[in-house]
């Protein structure tokens, strides 16, 4: 079960990280207006997600990633909250409000699941 969870997290984070570079503008829109250096933040979080995903997929540093993921997911939570509160589109696609708000509890489930990755 842990191996499947590790692979799911690995693929998910790797894909999300790549999207940070292929759809940078979309990710920039969900960062609150008052925060500067949006593009740099998107790139930094993208690199982190690619690193997390890659390490999980090659089964290296899993405990390290498992310990960092909860903090990382907590740190990016405000962007998801801002997106839901402002009803912002995701990469040009307007999602239904219930889906935007539904992503928030999912974030906490991801945090809880990340803790189960540890060996």
PDB file of N, CA and C in Angstrom:
ATOM      1  N   UNK A   1       0.819  -1.201   0.000  1.00  0.00           N
ATOM      2  CA  UNK A   1       0.000   0.000   0.000  1.00  0.00           C
ATOM      3  C   UNK A   1       0.862   1.263   0.000  1.00  0.00           C
ATOM      4  N   UNK A   2       1.941   1.243   0.811  1.00  0.00           N
ATOM      5  CA  UNK A   2       2.828   2.411   0.859  1.00  0.00           C
ATOM      6  C   UNK A   2       3.492   2.652  -0.496  1.00  0.00           C
ATOM      7  N   UNK A   3       3.799   1.574  -1.200  1.00  0.00           N
ATOM      8  CA  UNK A   3       4.438   1.715  -2.509  1.00  0.00           C
ATOM      9  C   UNK A   3       3.478   2.378  -3.499  1.00  0.00           C
ATOM     10  N   UNK A   4       2.228   1.987  -3.475  1.00  0.00           N
ATOM     11  CA  UNK A   4       1.226   2.596  -4.368  1.00  0.00           C
ATOM     12  C   UNK A   4       1.052   4.066  -4.007  1.00  0.00           C
ATOM     13  N   UNK A   5       0.960   4.364  -2.723  1.00  0.00           N
ATOM     14  CA  UNK A   5       0.817   5.743  -2.265  1.00  0.00           C
ATOM     15  C   UNK A   5       2.030   6.573  -2.690  1.00  0.00           C
ATOM     16  N   UNK A   6       3.219   6.006  -2.546  1.00  0.00           N
ATOM     17  CA  UNK A   6       4.449   6.691  -2.937  1.00  0.00           C
ATOM     18  C   UNK A   6       4.439   7.000  -4.434  1.00  0.00           C
ATOM     19  N   UNK A   7       4.033   6.038  -5.247  1.00  0.00           N
ATOM     20  CA  UNK A   7       3.989   6.238  -6.691  1.00  0.00           C
ATOM     21  C   UNK A   7       2.926   7.264  -7.091  1.00  0.00           C
ATOM     22  N   UNK A   8       1.791   7.237  -6.425  1.00  0.00           N
ATOM     23  CA  UNK A   8       0.738   8.225  -6.713  1.00  0.00           C
ATOM     24  C   UNK A   8       1.197   9.637  -6.357  1.00  0.00           C
ATOM     25  N   UNK A   9       1.776   9.777  -5.194  1.00  0.00           N
ATOM     26  CA  UNK A   9       2.299  11.086  -4.789  1.00  0.00           C
ATOM     27  C   UNK A   9       3.424  11.515  -5.734  1.00  0.00           C
ATOM     28  N   UNK A  10       4.296  10.584  -6.065  1.00  0.00           N
ATOM     29  CA  UNK A  10       5.415  10.905  -6.947  1.00  0.00           C
ATOM     30  C   UNK A  10       4.939  11.400  -8.304  1.00  0.00           C
ATOM     31  N   UNK A  11       4.038  10.672  -8.925  1.00  0.00           N
ATOM     32  CA  UNK A  11       3.525  11.069 -10.243  1.00  0.00           C
ATOM     33  C   UNK A  11       2.756  12.381 -10.152  1.00  0.00           C
ATOM     34  N   UNK A  12       1.960  12.520  -9.109  1.00  0.00           N
ATOM     35  CA  UNK A  12       1.165  13.739  -8.946  1.00  0.00           C
ATOM     36  C   UNK A  12       2.018  14.975  -8.753  1.00  0.00           C
ATOM     37  N   UNK A  13       3.019  14.878  -7.894  1.00  0.00           N
ATOM     38  CA  UNK A  13       3.879  16.036  -7.650  1.00  0.00           C
ATOM     39  C   UNK A  13       4.774  16.337  -8.847  1.00  0.00           C
ATOM     40  N   UNK A  14       5.246  15.305  -9.517  1.00  0.00           N
ATOM     41  CA  UNK A  14       6.062  15.535 -10.704  1.00  0.00           C
ATOM     42  C   UNK A  14       5.240  16.254 -11.780  1.00  0.00           C
ATOM     43  N   UNK A  15       4.025  15.779 -12.020  1.00  0.00           N
ATOM     44  CA  UNK A  15       3.161  16.409 -13.021  1.00  0.00           C
ATOM     45  C   UNK A  15       2.821  17.850 -12.636  1.00  0.00           C
ATOM     46  N   UNK A  16       2.472  18.061 -11.372  1.00  0.00           N
ATOM     47  CA  UNK A  16       2.140  19.418 -10.913  1.00  0.00           C
ATOM     48  C   UNK A  16       3.344  20.346 -11.047  1.00  0.00           C
ATOM     49  N   UNK A  17       4.523  19.845 -10.724  1.00  0.00           N
ATOM     50  CA  UNK A  17       5.730  20.655 -10.838  1.00  0.00           C
ATOM     51  C   UNK A  17       6.008  21.067 -12.273  1.00  0.00           C
ATOM     52  N   UNK A  18       5.835  20.140 -13.195  1.00  0.00           N
ATOM     53  CA  UNK A  18       6.034  20.452 -14.617  1.00  0.00           C
ATOM     54  C   UNK A  18       5.026  21.508 -15.064  1.00  0.00           C
ATOM     55  N   UNK A  19       3.794  21.399 -14.599  1.00  0.00           N
ATOM     56  CA  UNK A  19       2.772  22.387 -14.958  1.00  0.00           C
ATOM     57  C   UNK A  19       3.136  23.793 -14.487  1.00  0.00           C
ATOM     58  N   UNK A  20       3.894  23.884 -13.403  1.00  0.00           N
ATOM     59  CA  UNK A  20       4.322  25.203 -12.922  1.00  0.00           C
ATOM     60  C   UNK A  20       5.170  25.924 -13.981  1.00  0.00           C
ATOM     61  N   UNK A  21       5.831  25.156 -14.831  1.00  0.00           N
ATOM     62  CA  UNK A  21       6.673  25.756 -15.873  1.00  0.00           C
ATOM     63  C   UNK A  21       5.960  25.868 -17.215  1.00  0.00           C
ATOM     64  N   UNK A  22       5.004  25.008 -17.465  1.00  0.00           N
ATOM     65  CA  UNK A  22       4.291  25.073 -18.745  1.00  0.00           C
ATOM     66  C   UNK A  22       3.066  25.979 -18.675  1.00  0.00           C
ATOM     67  N   UNK A  23       2.588  26.256 -17.469  1.00  0.00           N
ATOM     68  CA  UNK A  23       1.416  27.121 -17.278  1.00  0.00           C
ATOM     69  C   UNK A  23       1.657  28.111 -16.139  1.00  0.00           C
ATOM     70  N   UNK A  24       2.797  28.746 -16.194  1.00  0.00           N
ATOM     71  CA  UNK A  24       3.222  29.659 -15.128  1.00  0.00           C
ATOM     72  C   UNK A  24       2.186  30.732 -14.844  1.00  0.00           C
ATOM     73  N   UNK A  25       1.653  31.345 -15.883  1.00  0.00           N
ATOM     74  CA  UNK A  25       0.701  32.461 -15.704  1.00  0.00           C
ATOM     75  C   UNK A  25      -0.529  32.017 -14.915  1.00  0.00           C
ATOM     76  N   UNK A  26      -1.003  30.820 -15.185  1.00  0.00           N
ATOM     77  CA  UNK A  26      -2.169  30.320 -14.456  1.00  0.00           C
ATOM     78  C   UNK A  26      -1.917  30.178 -12.971  1.00  0.00           C
ATOM     79  N   UNK A  27      -0.730  29.724 -12.629  1.00  0.00           N
ATOM     80  CA  UNK A  27      -0.390  29.575 -11.217  1.00  0.00           C
ATOM     81  C   UNK A  27      -0.159  30.930 -10.555  1.00  0.00           C
ATOM     82  N   UNK A  28       0.344  31.884 -11.321  1.00  0.00           N
ATOM     83  CA  UNK A  28       0.579  33.221 -10.776  1.00  0.00           C
ATOM     84  C   UNK A  28      -0.738  33.875 -10.343  1.00  0.00           C
ATOM     85  N   UNK A  29      -1.826  33.582 -11.048  1.00  0.00           N
ATOM     86  CA  UNK A  29      -3.105  34.236 -10.734  1.00  0.00           C
ATOM     87  C   UNK A  29      -3.663  33.821  -9.380  1.00  0.00           C
ATOM     88  N   UNK A  30      -3.253  32.670  -8.863  1.00  0.00           N
ATOM     89  CA  UNK A  30      -3.824  32.227  -7.586  1.00  0.00           C
ATOM     90  C   UNK A  30      -2.997  32.673  -6.384  1.00  0.00           C
ATOM     91  N   UNK A  31      -1.923  33.394  -6.645  1.00  0.00           N
ATOM     92  CA  UNK A  31      -1.131  33.964  -5.549  1.00  0.00           C
ATOM     93  C   UNK A  31      -1.750  35.317  -5.210  1.00  0.00           C
ATOM     94  N   UNK A  32      -2.074  35.552  -3.954  1.00  0.00           N
ATOM     95  CA  UNK A  32      -2.710  36.822  -3.567  1.00  0.00           C
ATOM     96  C   UNK A  32      -1.958  38.041  -4.112  1.00  0.00           C
ATOM     97  N   UNK A  33      -2.722  39.036  -4.501  1.00  0.00           N
ATOM     98  CA  UNK A  33      -2.221  40.244  -5.149  1.00  0.00           C
ATOM     99  C   UNK A  33      -1.066  40.912  -4.407  1.00  0.00           C
ATOM    100  N   UNK A  34      -1.145  40.945  -3.092  1.00  0.00           N
ATOM    101  CA  UNK A  34      -0.158  41.688  -2.311  1.00  0.00           C
ATOM    102  C   UNK A  34       1.191  40.980  -2.191  1.00  0.00           C
ATOM    103  N   UNK A  35       1.296  39.771  -2.657  1.00  0.00           N
ATOM    104  CA  UNK A  35       2.558  39.033  -2.572  1.00  0.00           C
ATOM    105  C   UNK A  35       3.377  39.292  -3.836  1.00  0.00           C
ATOM    106  N   UNK A  36       4.614  39.782  -3.677  1.00  0.00           N
ATOM    107  CA  UNK A  36       5.458  40.060  -4.851  1.00  0.00           C
ATOM    108  C   UNK A  36       6.153  38.799  -5.376  1.00  0.00           C
ATOM    109  N   UNK A  37       6.835  38.936  -6.475  1.00  0.00           N
ATOM    110  CA  UNK A  37       7.660  37.881  -7.071  1.00  0.00           C
ATOM    111  C   UNK A  37       6.861  36.616  -7.389  1.00  0.00           C
ATOM    112  N   UNK A  38       5.693  36.809  -7.968  1.00  0.00           N
ATOM    113  CA  UNK A  38       4.811  35.678  -8.257  1.00  0.00           C
ATOM    114  C   UNK A  38       5.459  34.625  -9.162  1.00  0.00           C
ATOM    115  N   UNK A  39       6.087  35.068 -10.243  1.00  0.00           N
ATOM    116  CA  UNK A  39       6.694  34.119 -11.175  1.00  0.00           C
ATOM    117  C   UNK A  39       7.776  33.308 -10.465  1.00  0.00           C
ATOM    118  N   UNK A  40       8.570  33.964  -9.666  1.00  0.00           N
ATOM    119  CA  UNK A  40       9.645  33.270  -8.952  1.00  0.00           C
ATOM    120  C   UNK A  40       9.082  32.268  -7.953  1.00  0.00           C
ATOM    121  N   UNK A  41       8.008  32.640  -7.283  1.00  0.00           N
ATOM    122  CA  UNK A  41       7.363  31.726  -6.335  1.00  0.00           C
ATOM    123  C   UNK A  41       6.841  30.494  -7.070  1.00  0.00           C
ATOM    124  N   UNK A  42       6.217  30.718  -8.217  1.00  0.00           N
ATOM    125  CA  UNK A  42       5.693  29.590  -9.011  1.00  0.00           C
ATOM    126  C   UNK A  42       6.839  28.686  -9.437  1.00  0.00           C
ATOM    127  N   UNK A  43       7.931  29.264  -9.874  1.00  0.00           N
ATOM    128  CA  UNK A  43       9.075  28.448 -10.304  1.00  0.00           C
ATOM    129  C   UNK A  43       9.695  27.690  -9.139  1.00  0.00           C
ATOM    130  N   UNK A  44       9.865  28.354  -8.011  1.00  0.00           N
ATOM    131  CA  UNK A  44      10.460  27.689  -6.846  1.00  0.00           C
ATOM    132  C   UNK A  44       9.583  26.527  -6.380  1.00  0.00           C
ATOM    133  N   UNK A  45       8.279  26.768  -6.289  1.00  0.00           N
ATOM    134  CA  UNK A  45       7.390  25.676  -5.866  1.00  0.00           C
ATOM    135  C   UNK A  45       7.348  24.580  -6.927  1.00  0.00           C
ATOM    136  N   UNK A  46       7.485  24.957  -8.185  1.00  0.00           N
ATOM    137  CA  UNK A  46       7.538  23.955  -9.254  1.00  0.00           C
ATOM    138  C   UNK A  46       8.768  23.069  -9.133  1.00  0.00           C
ATOM    139  N   UNK A  47       9.912  23.681  -8.879  1.00  0.00           N
ATOM    140  CA  UNK A  47      11.152  22.908  -8.688  1.00  0.00           C
ATOM    141  C   UNK A  47      10.998  21.969  -7.492  1.00  0.00           C
ATOM    142  N   UNK A  48      10.420  22.481  -6.422  1.00  0.00           N
ATOM    143  CA  UNK A  48      10.230  21.647  -5.233  1.00  0.00           C
ATOM    144  C   UNK A  48       9.327  20.461  -5.541  1.00  0.00           C
ATOM    145  N   UNK A  49       8.235  20.702  -6.264  1.00  0.00           N
ATOM    146  CA  UNK A  49       7.318  19.611  -6.591  1.00  0.00           C
ATOM    147  C   UNK A  49       7.977  18.589  -7.509  1.00  0.00           C
ATOM    148  N   UNK A  50       8.761  19.054  -8.469  1.00  0.00           N
ATOM    149  CA  UNK A  50       9.480  18.125  -9.350  1.00  0.00           C
ATOM    150  C   UNK A  50      10.471  17.298  -8.530  1.00  0.00           C
ATOM    151  N   UNK A  51      11.185  17.951  -7.628  1.00  0.00           N
ATOM    152  CA  UNK A  51      12.143  17.248  -6.761  1.00  0.00           C
ATOM    153  C   UNK A  51      11.422  16.218  -5.890  1.00  0.00           C
ATOM    154  N   UNK A  52      10.343  16.633  -5.234  1.00  0.00           N
ATOM    155  CA  UNK A  52       9.580  15.703  -4.392  1.00  0.00           C
ATOM    156  C   UNK A  52       9.075  14.515  -5.220  1.00  0.00           C
ATOM    157  N   UNK A  53       8.452  14.820  -6.352  1.00  0.00           N
ATOM    158  CA  UNK A  53       7.893  13.766  -7.193  1.00  0.00           C
ATOM    159  C   UNK A  53       8.961  12.823  -7.708  1.00  0.00           C
ATOM    160  N   UNK A  54      10.061  13.385  -8.184  1.00  0.00           N
ATOM    161  CA  UNK A  54      11.138  12.549  -8.703  1.00  0.00           C
ATOM    162  C   UNK A  54      11.731  11.637  -7.644  1.00  0.00           C
ATOM    163  N   UNK A  55      11.995  12.194  -6.473  1.00  0.00           N
ATOM    164  CA  UNK A  55      12.554  11.376  -5.381  1.00  0.00           C
ATOM    165  C   UNK A  55      11.604  10.249  -4.993  1.00  0.00           C
ATOM    166  N   UNK A  56      10.323  10.550  -4.929  1.00  0.00           N
ATOM    167  CA  UNK A  56       9.366   9.502  -4.580  1.00  0.00           C
ATOM    168  C   UNK A  56       9.305   8.423  -5.656  1.00  0.00           C
ATOM    169  N   UNK A  57       9.343   8.835  -6.916  1.00  0.00           N
ATOM    170  CA  UNK A  57       9.265   7.857  -8.003  1.00  0.00           C
ATOM    171  C   UNK A  57      10.488   6.952  -8.071  1.00  0.00           C
ATOM    172  N   UNK A  58      11.673   7.503  -7.751  1.00  0.00           N
ATOM    173  CA  UNK A  58      12.871   6.654  -7.789  1.00  0.00           C
ATOM    174  C   UNK A  58      13.157   6.013  -6.424  1.00  0.00           C
ATOM    175  N   UNK A  59      12.256   6.269  -5.473  1.00  0.00           N
ATOM    176  CA  UNK A  59      12.333   5.642  -4.149  1.00  0.00           C
ATOM    177  C   UNK A  59      13.604   6.031  -3.396  1.00  0.00           C
ATOM    178  N   UNK A  60      13.964   7.299  -3.494  1.00  0.00           N
ATOM    179  CA  UNK A  60      15.132   7.833  -2.783  1.00  0.00           C
ATOM    180  C   UNK A  60      14.684   8.995  -1.906  1.00  0.00           C
ATOM    181  N   UNK A  61      15.184   9.062  -0.719  1.00  0.00           N
ATOM    182  CA  UNK A  61      14.857  10.172   0.171  1.00  0.00           C
ATOM    183  C   UNK A  61      13.386  10.240   0.557  1.00  0.00           C
ATOM    184  N   UNK A  62      12.728   9.109   0.586  1.00  0.00           N
ATOM    185  CA  UNK A  62      11.285   9.081   0.853  1.00  0.00           C
ATOM    186  C   UNK A  62      10.961   9.671   2.227  1.00  0.00           C
ATOM    187  N   UNK A  63      11.730   9.320   3.247  1.00  0.00           N
ATOM    188  CA  UNK A  63      11.469   9.868   4.584  1.00  0.00           C
ATOM    189  C   UNK A  63      11.673  11.376   4.615  1.00  0.00           C
ATOM    190  N   UNK A  64      12.695  11.851   3.916  1.00  0.00           N
ATOM    191  CA  UNK A  64      12.959  13.287   3.809  1.00  0.00           C
ATOM    192  C   UNK A  64      11.760  13.996   3.175  1.00  0.00           C
ATOM    193  N   UNK A  65      11.284  13.464   2.065  1.00  0.00           N
ATOM    194  CA  UNK A  65      10.136  14.056   1.368  1.00  0.00           C
ATOM    195  C   UNK A  65       8.891  13.974   2.244  1.00  0.00           C
ATOM    196  N   UNK A  66       8.681  12.831   2.874  1.00  0.00           N
ATOM    197  CA  UNK A  66       7.495  12.641   3.720  1.00  0.00           C
ATOM    198  C   UNK A  66       7.461  13.644   4.869  1.00  0.00           C
ATOM    199  N   UNK A  67       8.628  14.030   5.360  1.00  0.00           N
ATOM    200  CA  UNK A  67       8.685  15.009   6.447  1.00  0.00           C
ATOM    201  C   UNK A  67       8.486  16.435   5.942  1.00  0.00           C
ATOM    202  N   UNK A  68       8.908  16.720   4.708  1.00  0.00           N
ATOM    203  CA  UNK A  68       8.773  18.070   4.159  1.00  0.00           C
ATOM    204  C   UNK A  68       7.396  18.352   3.546  1.00  0.00           C
ATOM    205  N   UNK A  69       6.769  17.332   2.980  1.00  0.00           N
ATOM    206  CA  UNK A  69       5.496  17.547   2.281  1.00  0.00           C
ATOM    207  C   UNK A  69       4.408  18.217   3.128  1.00  0.00           C
ATOM    208  N   UNK A  70       4.202  17.814   4.375  1.00  0.00           N
ATOM    209  CA  UNK A  70       3.161  18.501   5.148  1.00  0.00           C
ATOM    210  C   UNK A  70       3.403  20.008   5.274  1.00  0.00           C
ATOM    211  N   UNK A  71       4.641  20.402   5.492  1.00  0.00           N
ATOM    212  CA  UNK A  71       4.950  21.836   5.589  1.00  0.00           C
ATOM    213  C   UNK A  71       4.750  22.525   4.242  1.00  0.00           C
ATOM    214  N   UNK A  72       5.193  21.882   3.181  1.00  0.00           N
ATOM    215  CA  UNK A  72       5.031  22.452   1.842  1.00  0.00           C
ATOM    216  C   UNK A  72       3.545  22.628   1.513  1.00  0.00           C
ATOM    217  N   UNK A  73       2.761  21.588   1.748  1.00  0.00           N
ATOM    218  CA  UNK A  73       1.323  21.658   1.436  1.00  0.00           C
ATOM    219  C   UNK A  73       0.611  22.694   2.296  1.00  0.00           C
ATOM    220  N   UNK A  74       1.056  22.854   3.525  1.00  0.00           N
ATOM    221  CA  UNK A  74       0.492  23.890   4.392  1.00  0.00           C
ATOM    222  C   UNK A  74       0.864  25.275   3.871  1.00  0.00           C
ATOM    223  N   UNK A  75       2.086  25.414   3.384  1.00  0.00           N
ATOM    224  CA  UNK A  75       2.558  26.710   2.882  1.00  0.00           C
ATOM    225  C   UNK A  75       1.813  27.150   1.622  1.00  0.00           C
ATOM    226  N   UNK A  76       1.427  26.212   0.770  1.00  0.00           N
ATOM    227  CA  UNK A  76       0.721  26.589  -0.466  1.00  0.00           C
ATOM    228  C   UNK A  76      -0.798  26.628  -0.284  1.00  0.00           C
ATOM    229  N   UNK A  77      -1.266  26.217   0.881  1.00  0.00           N
ATOM    230  CA  UNK A  77      -2.711  26.222   1.155  1.00  0.00           C
ATOM    231  C   UNK A  77      -3.351  27.607   0.964  1.00  0.00           C
ATOM    232  N   UNK A  78      -2.712  28.696   1.406  1.00  0.00           N
ATOM    233  CA  UNK A  78      -3.341  30.011   1.209  1.00  0.00           C
ATOM    234  C   UNK A  78      -3.644  30.344  -0.254  1.00  0.00           C
ATOM    235  N   UNK A  79      -2.827  29.866  -1.186  1.00  0.00           N
ATOM    236  CA  UNK A  79      -3.103  30.109  -2.605  1.00  0.00           C
ATOM    237  C   UNK A  79      -4.394  29.406  -3.019  1.00  0.00           C
ATOM    238  N   UNK A  80      -4.605  28.196  -2.527  1.00  0.00           N
ATOM    239  CA  UNK A  80      -5.834  27.472  -2.848  1.00  0.00           C
ATOM    240  C   UNK A  80      -7.049  28.135  -2.193  1.00  0.00           C
ATOM    241  N   UNK A  81      -6.866  28.623  -0.987  1.00  0.00           N
ATOM    242  CA  UNK A  81      -7.939  29.333  -0.295  1.00  0.00           C
ATOM    243  C   UNK A  81      -8.280  30.629  -1.039  1.00  0.00           C
ATOM    244  N   UNK A  82      -7.261  31.371  -1.460  1.00  0.00           N
ATOM    245  CA  UNK A  82      -7.450  32.613  -2.213  1.00  0.00           C
ATOM    246  C   UNK A  82      -8.184  32.323  -3.526  1.00  0.00           C
ATOM    247  N   UNK A  83      -7.794  31.256  -4.185  1.00  0.00           N
ATOM    248  CA  UNK A  83      -8.430  30.868  -5.444  1.00  0.00           C
ATOM    249  C   UNK A  83      -9.914  30.586  -5.249  1.00  0.00           C
ATOM    250  N   UNK A  84     -10.247  29.881  -4.183  1.00  0.00           N
ATOM    251  CA  UNK A  84     -11.644  29.561  -3.903  1.00  0.00           C
ATOM    252  C   UNK A  84     -12.424  30.814  -3.505  1.00  0.00           C
ATOM    253  N   UNK A  85     -11.851  31.630  -2.645  1.00  0.00           N
ATOM    254  CA  UNK A  85     -12.544  32.831  -2.158  1.00  0.00           C
ATOM    255  C   UNK A  85     -12.801  33.831  -3.279  1.00  0.00           C
ATOM    256  N   UNK A  86     -11.867  33.939  -4.217  1.00  0.00           N
ATOM    257  CA  UNK A  86     -11.998  34.897  -5.323  1.00  0.00           C
ATOM    258  C   UNK A  86     -12.610  34.266  -6.576  1.00  0.00           C
ATOM    259  N   UNK A  87     -12.923  32.963  -6.503  1.00  0.00           N
ATOM    260  CA  UNK A  87     -13.520  32.236  -7.626  1.00  0.00           C
ATOM    261  C   UNK A  87     -12.658  32.388  -8.892  1.00  0.00           C
ATOM    262  N   UNK A  88     -11.359  32.160  -8.731  1.00  0.00           N
ATOM    263  CA  UNK A  88     -10.409  32.340  -9.826  1.00  0.00           C
ATOM    264  C   UNK A  88     -10.345  31.096 -10.711  1.00  0.00           C
ATOM    265  N   UNK A  89     -10.149  31.303 -12.006  1.00  0.00           N
ATOM    266  CA  UNK A  89      -9.997  30.148 -12.901  1.00  0.00           C
ATOM    267  C   UNK A  89      -8.648  29.465 -12.684  1.00  0.00           C
ATOM    268  N   UNK A  90      -8.597  28.205 -13.014  1.00  0.00           N
ATOM    269  CA  UNK A  90      -7.352  27.444 -12.939  1.00  0.00           C
ATOM    270  C   UNK A  90      -6.851  27.260 -14.359  1.00  0.00           C
ATOM    271  N   UNK A  91      -5.748  27.931 -14.683  1.00  0.00           N
ATOM    272  CA  UNK A  91      -5.174  27.870 -16.028  1.00  0.00           C
ATOM    273  C   UNK A  91      -6.214  28.155 -17.114  1.00  0.00           C
ATOM    274  N   UNK A  92      -7.001  29.196 -16.878  1.00  0.00           N
ATOM    275  CA  UNK A  92      -7.976  29.637 -17.871  1.00  0.00           C
ATOM    276  C   UNK A  92      -9.315  28.924 -17.817  1.00  0.00           C
ATOM    277  N   UNK A  93      -9.433  27.893 -17.001  1.00  0.00           N
ATOM    278  CA  UNK A  93     -10.694  27.146 -16.892  1.00  0.00           C
ATOM    279  C   UNK A  93     -11.382  27.509 -15.587  1.00  0.00           C
ATOM    280  N   UNK A  94     -12.618  27.980 -15.710  1.00  0.00           N
ATOM    281  CA  UNK A  94     -13.378  28.296 -14.503  1.00  0.00           C
ATOM    282  C   UNK A  94     -13.975  27.012 -13.937  1.00  0.00           C
ATOM    283  N   UNK A  95     -13.583  26.691 -12.739  1.00  0.00           N
ATOM    284  CA  UNK A  95     -14.102  25.494 -12.070  1.00  0.00           C
ATOM    285  C   UNK A  95     -15.342  25.868 -11.275  1.00  0.00           C
ATOM    286  N   UNK A  96     -16.276  24.939 -11.126  1.00  0.00           N
ATOM    287  CA  UNK A  96     -17.446  25.217 -10.285  1.00  0.00           C
ATOM    288  C   UNK A  96     -17.011  25.532  -8.849  1.00  0.00           C
ATOM    289  N   UNK A  97     -17.733  26.455  -8.208  1.00  0.00           N
ATOM    290  CA  UNK A  97     -17.381  26.852  -6.839  1.00  0.00           C
ATOM    291  C   UNK A  97     -17.259  25.672  -5.879  1.00  0.00           C
ATOM    292  N   UNK A  98     -18.193  24.710  -5.923  1.00  0.00           N
ATOM    293  CA  UNK A  98     -18.046  23.580  -4.991  1.00  0.00           C
ATOM    294  C   UNK A  98     -16.734  22.817  -5.194  1.00  0.00           C
ATOM    295  N   UNK A  99     -16.263  22.761  -6.424  1.00  0.00           N
ATOM    296  CA  UNK A  99     -14.999  22.081  -6.681  1.00  0.00           C
ATOM    297  C   UNK A  99     -13.820  22.883  -6.134  1.00  0.00           C
ATOM    298  N   UNK A 100     -13.883  24.216  -6.294  1.00  0.00           N
ATOM    299  CA  UNK A 100     -12.821  25.070  -5.747  1.00  0.00           C
ATOM    300  C   UNK A 100     -12.730  24.914  -4.231  1.00  0.00           C
ATOM    301  N   UNK A 101     -13.883  24.926  -3.570  1.00  0.00           N
ATOM    302  CA  UNK A 101     -13.896  24.783  -2.112  1.00  0.00           C
ATOM    303  C   UNK A 101     -13.597  23.343  -1.702  1.00  0.00           C
ATOM    304  N   UNK A 102     -13.971  22.383  -2.543  1.00  0.00           N
ATOM    305  CA  UNK A 102     -13.730  20.975  -2.247  1.00  0.00           C
ATOM    306  C   UNK A 102     -12.260  20.600  -2.274  1.00  0.00           C
ATOM    307  N   UNK A 103     -11.459  21.396  -2.987  1.00  0.00           N
ATOM    308  CA  UNK A 103     -10.024  21.139  -3.035  1.00  0.00           C
ATOM    309  C   UNK A 103      -9.359  21.393  -1.682  1.00  0.00           C
ATOM    310  N   UNK A 104      -9.967  22.243  -0.863  1.00  0.00           N
ATOM    311  CA  UNK A 104      -9.334  22.619   0.414  1.00  0.00           C
ATOM    312  C   UNK A 104      -9.240  21.439   1.386  1.00  0.00           C
ATOM    313  N   UNK A 105     -10.330  20.704   1.623  1.00  0.00           N
ATOM    314  CA  UNK A 105     -10.176  19.522   2.491  1.00  0.00           C
ATOM    315  C   UNK A 105      -9.262  18.460   1.871  1.00  0.00           C
ATOM    316  N   UNK A 106      -9.226  18.416   0.543  1.00  0.00           N
ATOM    317  CA  UNK A 106      -8.344  17.470  -0.129  1.00  0.00           C
ATOM    318  C   UNK A 106      -6.885  17.763   0.235  1.00  0.00           C
ATOM    319  N   UNK A 107      -6.554  19.041   0.365  1.00  0.00           N
ATOM    320  CA  UNK A 107      -5.192  19.427   0.736  1.00  0.00           C
ATOM    321  C   UNK A 107      -4.824  18.821   2.098  1.00  0.00           C
ATOM    322  N   UNK A 108      -5.755  18.854   3.040  1.00  0.00           N
ATOM    323  CA  UNK A 108      -5.476  18.291   4.358  1.00  0.00           C
ATOM    324  C   UNK A 108      -5.373  16.773   4.293  1.00  0.00           C
ATOM    325  N   UNK A 109      -6.149  16.148   3.402  1.00  0.00           N
ATOM    326  CA  UNK A 109      -6.023  14.699   3.206  1.00  0.00           C
ATOM    327  C   UNK A 109      -4.650  14.359   2.622  1.00  0.00           C
ATOM    328  N   UNK A 110      -4.150  15.200   1.724  1.00  0.00           N
ATOM    329  CA  UNK A 110      -2.816  14.996   1.159  1.00  0.00           C
ATOM    330  C   UNK A 110      -1.745  15.118   2.241  1.00  0.00           C
ATOM    331  N   UNK A 111      -1.933  16.053   3.144  1.00  0.00           N
ATOM    332  CA  UNK A 111      -0.972  16.225   4.248  1.00  0.00           C
ATOM    333  C   UNK A 111      -0.962  14.976   5.118  1.00  0.00           C
ATOM    334  N   UNK A 112      -2.127  14.493   5.445  1.00  0.00           N
ATOM    335  CA  UNK A 112      -2.235  13.296   6.282  1.00  0.00           C
ATOM    336  C   UNK A 112      -1.633  12.087   5.575  1.00  0.00           C
ATOM    337  N   UNK A 113      -1.903  11.967   4.276  1.00  0.00           N
ATOM    338  CA  UNK A 113      -1.365  10.860   3.491  1.00  0.00           C
ATOM    339  C   UNK A 113       0.151  10.917   3.371  1.00  0.00           C
ATOM    340  N   UNK A 114       0.698  12.124   3.283  1.00  0.00           N
ATOM    341  CA  UNK A 114       2.154  12.289   3.156  1.00  0.00           C
ATOM    342  C   UNK A 114       2.862  11.704   4.368  1.00  0.00           C
ATOM    343  N   UNK A 115       2.246  11.829   5.507  1.00  0.00           N
ATOM    344  CA  UNK A 115       2.847  11.299   6.735  1.00  0.00           C
ATOM    345  C   UNK A 115       2.919   9.772   6.693  1.00  0.00           C
ATOM    346  N   UNK A 116       2.058   9.144   5.904  1.00  0.00           N
ATOM    347  CA  UNK A 116       2.047   7.683   5.801  1.00  0.00           C
ATOM    348  C   UNK A 116       3.111   7.161   4.847  1.00  0.00           C
ATOM    349  N   UNK A 117       3.798   8.068   4.152  1.00  0.00           N
ATOM    350  CA  UNK A 117       4.850   7.654   3.227  1.00  0.00           C
ATOM    351  C   UNK A 117       6.102   7.201   3.963  1.00  0.00           C
ATOM    352  N   UNK A 118       6.292   7.696   5.174  1.00  0.00           N
ATOM    353  CA  UNK A 118       7.504   7.371   5.926  1.00  0.00           C
ATOM    354  C   UNK A 118       7.608   5.868   6.153  1.00  0.00           C
ATOM    355  N   UNK A 119       8.832   5.416   6.127  1.00  0.00           N
ATOM    356  CA  UNK A 119       9.067   3.964   6.300  1.00  0.00           C
ATOM    357  C   UNK A 119       9.178   3.602   7.744  1.00  0.00           C
TER     358      UNK A 119
END
